[in-house]
Amino acid sequence: MSEPINPFPIHGYFGPELFCNRDDERDMLIEAVRNGRNITLFAPRRIGKSALIHHVFHFLHPKWSCIYLDVQESASFKDFTNLFLTSVLNGVKRQKTLFNKVQEWLLSFRPVLSTNPHTGSFEVEIDFKSDAQQQTSIKSAFQLLDSQGPTVIALDEFQHIHSWDEGFAVESWLRSEIQHLKNVRFIFSGSQFHLLTEMFQSAKRPFFASTQPMNIGKIEMERYRIFIGRMFQAHGKAIRTEEIDCILEWADGNTYNVQLLCNRIFSKASKKVEQAMIDESIIEIYAENKLSYFALRNSMSKYQWQVLTAIAIEGMVFAPTARDFLKKYDLGAGPSVLRAMEYLLSRELVYQYYQDDGKKYYQVYDIILMRWLQKR
């Protein structure tokens, strides 16, 4: 595992030293997996869910085989099957005996095996002739892994299977196969809360009551504050608490945006972070996203954009049809706002969150877009 030059990587997992906290969530996941419980992991995008999964994998190695795949990368069951087999091969490559068994087993399917020149990872491509052949290959892989000892498989953005034509059938088939495994545990994770909730908490669905639900939110500000200060200090760069708080406030505690802004500031500072460096980095981020935001504005009606802007400026909206909110932003009637909200939610431009007491509120999903709209 190579270490990045910048201690605030935006993509990938580089070990526990560059991972901020999540100790409680890590321990909960490890405890569940080790005790034979499958997990459904809920988290908004860019909050650090995928990195947390790899963080858990770090602590389960080498006794566990750890396999990760992003279901969102597949557009069909065939894509998923090839992606799954690729992930299995890459997941066990550090375990020589098991890797050889998996590789030998894969050769029976006459695959095209290659290596990604950028990542060094293996890639598997098999021209399956039928769904039955695909099911057989996945079932055989499950059985092989089950026979070799403890394994955890993380299916990230799992709700994406319902974007396939055969999605519902795959859900039912997967559930029937998974229930027979003794040594393989699953982490089903995703960012579309309503879809995952329907899949795992509706009595009409195959996965009903089959997993332990777990929700992760933003990292506590104080813990992030300590982490950021330590990372800068470890590289001989001074940063005051005031500047760290400015970063955290702008990023709204969103993991990706904290990392993004810290990454920029770290590259600018030689010995000491100045407020001007933070301001300059934020302006750069706005400038890079400006054209895509203009395109976004042109893709919707003027009124939908007006509602989106109002929610961004407000920050958190608990009652979008409340009289004060409608009057403050000149939004007209409540039913019109509800129709616009339905559109914004469907496009994941606005997200519905819940406070600890269960009270729901709405916020612009893309924090950078939210800050950009607030500045206009």
Foldseek 3Di string as FASTA:
>chain_A
DDDDPALLDLDDEDAPLSDFDCPVVLVVVLVQQVVPFAEEEEEAPLQCPVNSLVHNVVVCPPQEQEFEDECLVDQALLSVLQRRLQRSLQSCVVPPVLNVVSVVVVVVQVWDWDADPVPRGIGTHGDDPDVVVSLVSVLVSLVSNLVPAAYEYEHEQQLCLVSYPCSQVVQQSVLVSVVPRDRYYYYYYHHPVVSVCCQAPPPVHSNDPRHHYDYDYFDDLVSVLVSLQVSQVVVQAHEDSVLSVVLCVLCVRRSSSSSQLSSQQSVVTDHYGDPVSSVVSLVVVCVVCVVVVVVVCVVDDPLLVLLLLLQLQVAKAQDCQDPVSCVVSVNPHSVVSVVSVVVCVVVLQKDWDADPVGRIIIHGSDSSVSVSSNVD
